């Protein structure tokens, strides 16, 4: 397996909101990984020939109406994209890789499992995972069905939660959600998952404003509670620029409007919103 090219599929915005995330992720992968990597950016496309084609005005291609992000349902189509051969890693764009991806790439996928992923607290976290594409063909529905089914993404998330045998668990730190309780040295992949506290906002929001555009996240933006993780992202951002990476290398023709869930009432996660979680618990106790 060490002679293969690692295929990494990354879900990202089609209107250039995630350029900073894409640059930092790309750089961090190349910084640490010892074998060749091919990155496939999964973005909605107006091109009918694209695997990620969508035309919401005509009701054609991918239907994103109930997705929380512009790419939520794409992860299920990766084995088909690969002709149900070999392996593929899936990641959200909001990641900083801090280890050699060849380790994750070669992770065992055993028994009935078709994917390696994080299963902490009995939750299937498929935001960073490794697919066995051939085995996945026996479980996943056809892409044509995935594209048309409004509830398709939700149904599959529920199925994988109810059938844990489909997942081989890996080390939690391969998908370290907003730092959890780990020091940076113990993280393999940092996932700054809370969309309201993402490190990239301080770069992308002002850039988009100068371009007359808006970010796809429409919820409240606030600081991340762990300053050292913010500093880590800034470090990688500066290193990438020094190594001649540029956000412009990831820019595409904007897709335009697409339907998705709103984040007006987005509450993040208990890792980044500790005070809010405590307040909510206190409020519930008062009502008892």
Protein backbone atom coordinates (compact mmCIF):
# COMPACT_ATOMS: atom_id res chain seq x y z
CA UNK A 1 0.00 0.00 0.00
CA UNK A 2 2.98 2.32 0.55
CA UNK A 3 3.52 2.61 -3.20
CA UNK A 4 0.01 3.96 -3.79
CA UNK A 5 -1.12 7.54 -4.17
CA UNK A 6 -3.30 8.56 -1.25
CA UNK A 7 -6.63 9.88 -2.50
CA UNK A 8 -8.09 12.56 -0.25
CA UNK A 9 -11.59 13.86 -0.97
CA UNK A 10 -12.34 17.21 0.65
CA UNK A 11 -15.79 18.74 1.02
CA UNK A 12 -15.73 22.51 0.52
CA UNK A 13 -17.84 25.51 -0.43
CA UNK A 14 -18.46 26.24 -4.15
CA UNK A 15 -18.46 30.05 -3.73
CA UNK A 16 -14.89 30.56 -2.51
CA UNK A 17 -15.73 30.93 1.18
CA UNK A 18 -13.29 28.19 2.20
CA UNK A 19 -10.14 29.22 0.32
CA UNK A 20 -8.10 29.77 3.50
CA UNK A 21 -9.18 26.41 4.89
CA UNK A 22 -8.31 24.69 1.65
CA UNK A 23 -4.85 26.25 1.52
CA UNK A 24 -4.00 25.36 5.12
CA UNK A 25 -5.33 21.81 4.75
CA UNK A 26 -3.40 21.24 1.53
CA UNK A 27 -0.19 22.59 3.05
CA UNK A 28 -0.58 20.61 6.29
CA UNK A 29 -1.14 17.36 4.39
CA UNK A 30 1.97 17.90 2.24
CA UNK A 31 4.02 19.04 5.26
CA UNK A 32 3.59 15.77 7.13
CA UNK A 33 2.82 13.03 4.57
CA UNK A 34 5.68 10.94 3.21
CA UNK A 35 4.02 9.48 0.09
CA UNK A 36 2.22 11.18 -2.83
CA UNK A 37 -1.25 12.59 -2.22
CA UNK A 38 -3.99 13.48 -4.69
CA UNK A 39 -6.61 15.89 -3.37
CA UNK A 40 -10.06 15.94 -4.96
CA UNK A 41 -11.97 19.07 -3.95
CA UNK A 42 -15.66 18.22 -3.80
CA UNK A 43 -17.64 21.34 -4.71
CA UNK A 44 -21.06 21.88 -6.24
CA UNK A 45 -20.71 22.53 -9.95
CA UNK A 46 -22.89 23.96 -12.70
CA UNK A 47 -21.15 21.71 -15.23
CA UNK A 48 -23.51 18.85 -16.22
CA UNK A 49 -20.44 16.66 -16.82
CA UNK A 50 -19.19 17.11 -13.27
CA UNK A 51 -19.71 14.36 -10.70
CA UNK A 52 -20.80 17.15 -8.31
CA UNK A 53 -23.27 18.75 -10.72
CA UNK A 54 -26.28 20.53 -9.26
CA UNK A 55 -28.92 22.80 -10.75
CA UNK A 56 -31.34 23.71 -7.94
CA UNK A 57 -33.38 25.94 -10.25
CA UNK A 58 -34.20 22.95 -12.49
CA UNK A 59 -34.16 20.33 -9.75
CA UNK A 60 -31.23 18.49 -11.36
CA UNK A 61 -28.22 16.78 -9.84
CA UNK A 62 -27.40 16.96 -6.14
CA UNK A 63 -30.16 18.22 -3.85
CA UNK A 64 -28.58 20.08 -0.90
CA UNK A 65 -31.74 21.42 0.70
CA UNK A 66 -31.37 19.56 4.01
CA UNK A 67 -27.60 19.61 4.23
CA UNK A 68 -25.89 21.59 7.00
CA UNK A 69 -22.98 22.39 4.67
CA UNK A 70 -22.60 22.72 0.87
CA UNK A 71 -21.03 19.25 0.77
CA UNK A 72 -22.59 17.16 3.57
CA UNK A 73 -23.89 14.37 1.33
CA UNK A 74 -20.87 14.06 -0.94
CA UNK A 75 -19.00 11.67 1.38
CA UNK A 76 -21.38 8.83 0.47
CA UNK A 77 -20.56 9.14 -3.23
CA UNK A 78 -16.80 8.76 -2.90
CA UNK A 79 -16.65 4.95 -3.40
CA UNK A 80 -18.70 5.31 -6.59
CA UNK A 81 -16.40 8.11 -7.81
CA UNK A 82 -13.53 5.65 -7.32
CA UNK A 83 -15.37 2.96 -9.33
CA UNK A 84 -15.63 0.98 -6.10
CA UNK A 85 -11.91 0.24 -6.18
CA UNK A 86 -9.15 0.82 -3.65
CA UNK A 87 -9.34 3.22 -0.76
CA UNK A 88 -10.23 6.87 -0.26
CA UNK A 89 -9.96 9.30 2.63
CA UNK A 90 -12.75 11.81 3.20
CA UNK A 91 -12.29 15.08 5.09
CA UNK A 92 -14.20 18.26 5.70
CA UNK A 93 -12.20 21.34 4.70
CA UNK A 94 -11.88 22.59 8.28
CA UNK A 95 -8.94 20.38 9.20
CA UNK A 96 -5.27 20.80 10.04
CA UNK A 97 -3.31 17.59 9.49
CA UNK A 98 -0.59 17.09 12.12
CA UNK A 99 0.60 13.57 11.23
CA UNK A 100 1.57 11.41 8.28
CA UNK A 101 -1.65 10.52 6.41
CA UNK A 102 -0.08 7.26 5.26
CA UNK A 103 -0.79 5.92 8.77
CA UNK A 104 -4.51 6.63 8.46
CA UNK A 105 -4.52 5.46 4.83
CA UNK A 106 -3.33 1.98 5.86
CA UNK A 107 -5.63 1.63 8.87
CA UNK A 108 -7.33 -1.81 8.98
CA UNK A 109 -11.00 -2.00 7.93
CA UNK A 110 -12.12 -5.28 9.37
CA UNK A 111 -15.00 -7.75 9.22
CA UNK A 112 -18.26 -6.26 7.95
CA UNK A 113 -16.90 -2.73 8.20
CA UNK A 114 -16.66 -0.64 5.04
CA UNK A 115 -15.11 2.46 6.60
CA UNK A 116 -12.70 3.43 9.38
CA UNK A 117 -13.89 6.37 11.45
CA UNK A 118 -14.31 7.86 14.91
CA UNK A 119 -17.08 6.36 17.01
CA UNK A 120 -16.63 8.18 20.32
CA UNK A 121 -19.75 8.36 22.52
CA UNK A 122 -21.55 5.95 20.15
CA UNK A 123 -21.66 8.65 17.47
CA UNK A 124 -20.43 7.85 13.97
CA UNK A 125 -18.23 10.80 13.05
CA UNK A 126 -17.63 10.40 9.34
CA UNK A 127 -16.15 13.89 8.86
CA UNK A 128 -12.73 12.21 8.58
CA UNK A 129 -12.88 8.62 7.44
CA UNK A 130 -11.25 5.98 5.25
CA UNK A 131 -13.44 4.11 2.77
CA UNK A 132 -12.90 0.59 1.50
CA UNK A 133 -14.55 1.42 -1.79
CA UNK A 134 -15.10 -2.16 -2.95
CA UNK A 135 -16.81 -3.22 0.28
CA UNK A 136 -18.87 -0.02 0.30
CA UNK A 137 -20.57 -1.07 -2.94
CA UNK A 138 -22.50 -3.69 -0.96
CA UNK A 139 -23.99 -1.12 1.43
CA UNK A 140 -24.28 2.33 -0.11
CA UNK A 141 -27.19 3.23 -2.42
CA UNK A 142 -26.62 4.29 -6.05
CA UNK A 143 -25.45 7.87 -6.53
CA UNK A 144 -28.55 8.60 -8.62
CA UNK A 145 -30.63 7.81 -5.52
CA UNK A 146 -28.40 9.86 -3.25
CA UNK A 147 -28.71 12.89 -5.50
CA UNK A 148 -32.49 12.86 -5.57
CA UNK A 149 -33.36 11.89 -2.00
CA UNK A 150 -33.85 14.92 0.26
CA UNK A 151 -33.43 12.69 3.31
CA UNK A 152 -30.59 10.60 1.85
CA UNK A 153 -27.76 12.05 3.94
CA UNK A 154 -29.76 11.83 7.17
CA UNK A 155 -30.85 8.28 6.45
CA UNK A 156 -27.28 7.11 5.96
CA UNK A 157 -26.04 8.85 9.10
CA UNK A 158 -28.80 7.06 11.01
CA UNK A 159 -27.98 3.72 9.38
CA UNK A 160 -24.32 3.92 10.35
CA UNK A 161 -25.27 4.86 13.91
CA UNK A 162 -27.62 1.86 14.14
CA UNK A 163 -25.15 -0.52 12.47
CA UNK A 164 -21.82 0.09 14.23
CA UNK A 165 -20.43 -3.05 12.64
CA UNK A 166 -20.10 -1.03 9.41
CA UNK A 167 -17.35 1.04 11.04
CA UNK A 168 -13.89 0.07 12.24
CA UNK A 169 -13.01 2.56 14.99
CA UNK A 170 -9.69 4.37 14.74
CA UNK A 171 -7.70 6.47 17.24
CA UNK A 172 -9.89 9.41 18.27
CA UNK A 173 -7.15 11.97 17.62
CA UNK A 174 -7.44 11.37 13.85
CA UNK A 175 -10.56 13.51 14.17
CA UNK A 176 -9.81 15.72 17.17
CA UNK A 177 -12.92 17.90 17.49
CA UNK A 178 -11.87 21.45 18.45
CA UNK A 179 -8.99 20.10 20.49
CA UNK A 180 -11.12 18.10 22.94
CA UNK A 181 -8.91 17.54 26.00
CA UNK A 182 -5.68 16.90 24.10
CA UNK A 183 -2.45 18.85 23.82
CA UNK A 184 -1.38 19.74 20.29
CA UNK A 185 1.46 17.19 20.38
CA UNK A 186 -1.10 14.41 20.87
CA UNK A 187 -3.37 15.41 17.98
CA UNK A 188 -3.12 13.68 14.61
CA UNK A 189 -5.77 15.72 12.77
CA UNK A 190 -7.31 18.82 14.29
CA UNK A 191 -10.91 19.34 13.22
CA UNK A 192 -12.03 22.87 14.09
CA UNK A 193 -15.59 21.71 13.71
CA UNK A 194 -17.65 24.43 15.42
CA UNK A 195 -18.68 26.55 12.46
CA UNK A 196 -19.09 29.62 14.66
CA UNK A 197 -15.53 29.58 16.04
CA UNK A 198 -13.52 28.56 12.97
CA UNK A 199 -10.04 30.03 12.80
CA UNK A 200 -10.38 30.87 9.11
CA UNK A 201 -13.23 33.35 9.61
CA UNK A 202 -10.90 36.21 10.48
CA UNK A 203 -9.36 35.87 7.02
CA UNK A 204 -12.32 34.81 4.88
CA UNK A 205 -15.05 37.14 6.17
CA UNK A 206 -13.12 40.32 5.39
CA UNK A 207 -11.91 38.94 2.05
CA UNK A 208 -15.42 37.99 0.99
CA UNK A 209 -16.74 41.40 2.04
CA UNK A 210 -14.15 43.11 -0.16
CA UNK A 211 -15.33 40.86 -3.03
CA UNK A 212 -18.98 41.74 -2.48
CA UNK A 213 -19.78 38.21 -1.29
CA UNK A 214 -20.93 36.49 1.90
CA UNK A 215 -19.85 33.35 3.72
CA UNK A 216 -22.23 30.36 3.54
CA UNK A 217 -22.27 30.14 7.36
CA UNK A 218 -25.00 32.51 8.52
CA UNK A 219 -24.77 31.96 12.29
CA UNK A 220 -23.02 33.89 15.04
CA UNK A 221 -19.22 34.12 14.84
CA UNK A 222 -17.16 34.13 18.07
CA UNK A 223 -13.60 33.43 19.26
CA UNK A 224 -12.38 29.87 19.73
CA UNK A 225 -11.87 29.08 23.45
CA UNK A 226 -8.35 27.68 22.94
CA UNK A 227 -6.00 30.43 21.84
CA UNK A 228 -3.13 28.01 21.21
CA UNK A 229 -5.20 26.30 18.50
CA UNK A 230 -5.94 29.65 16.88
CA UNK A 231 -2.21 30.34 16.96
CA UNK A 232 -1.54 26.93 15.39
CA UNK A 233 -3.82 27.71 12.45
CA UNK A 234 -2.18 31.12 12.02
CA UNK A 235 1.23 29.45 12.05
CA UNK A 236 0.26 27.03 9.29
CA UNK A 237 -1.42 29.82 7.32
CA UNK A 238 1.80 31.89 7.40
CA UNK A 239 3.98 28.87 6.64
CA UNK A 240 1.83 28.05 3.60
CA UNK A 241 2.21 31.56 2.22
CA UNK A 242 5.96 31.41 2.84
CA UNK A 243 6.08 28.16 0.85
CA UNK A 244 4.35 29.92 -2.09
CA UNK A 245 0.89 28.57 -1.46
CA UNK A 246 -1.87 31.07 -2.23
CA UNK A 247 -5.62 31.18 -1.62
CA UNK A 248 -5.98 32.14 -5.27
CA UNK A 249 -4.82 28.65 -6.28
CA UNK A 250 -8.11 27.28 -4.92
CA UNK A 251 -10.52 29.84 -6.36
CA UNK A 252 -13.27 28.62 -8.71
CA UNK A 253 -16.06 30.20 -10.71
CA UNK A 254 -18.70 30.84 -8.03
CA UNK A 255 -21.62 28.42 -8.11
CA UNK A 256 -24.18 30.94 -6.84
CA UNK A 257 -27.10 30.35 -4.50
CA UNK A 258 -27.91 26.86 -3.30
CA UNK A 259 -30.48 25.60 -0.78
CA UNK A 260 -29.24 24.46 2.64
CA UNK A 261 -30.14 24.56 6.31
CA UNK A 262 -29.80 27.91 8.07
CA UNK A 263 -27.43 28.32 11.02
CA UNK A 264 -29.30 31.20 12.68
CA UNK A 265 -29.84 29.02 15.76
CA UNK A 266 -26.57 27.09 15.51
CA UNK A 267 -25.29 26.11 18.96
CA UNK A 268 -21.91 24.64 18.09
CA UNK A 269 -20.65 21.84 20.32
CA UNK A 270 -20.09 21.27 24.03
CA UNK A 271 -16.33 21.52 23.58
CA UNK A 272 -16.33 25.12 22.34
CA UNK A 273 -19.50 26.26 24.12
CA UNK A 274 -18.74 25.05 27.65
CA UNK A 275 -20.29 28.08 29.34
CA UNK A 276 -23.42 27.79 27.20
CA UNK A 277 -23.74 24.09 28.01
CA UNK A 278 -23.44 24.79 31.76
CA UNK A 279 -25.97 27.60 31.51
CA UNK A 280 -28.39 25.37 29.63
CA UNK A 281 -28.04 22.62 32.27
CA UNK A 282 -28.57 25.14 35.09
CA UNK A 283 -31.68 26.48 33.36
CA UNK A 284 -33.12 22.97 32.98
CA UNK A 285 -32.43 22.18 36.64
CA UNK A 286 -34.29 25.33 37.72
CA UNK A 287 -37.33 24.14 35.81
CA UNK A 288 -37.42 20.77 37.57
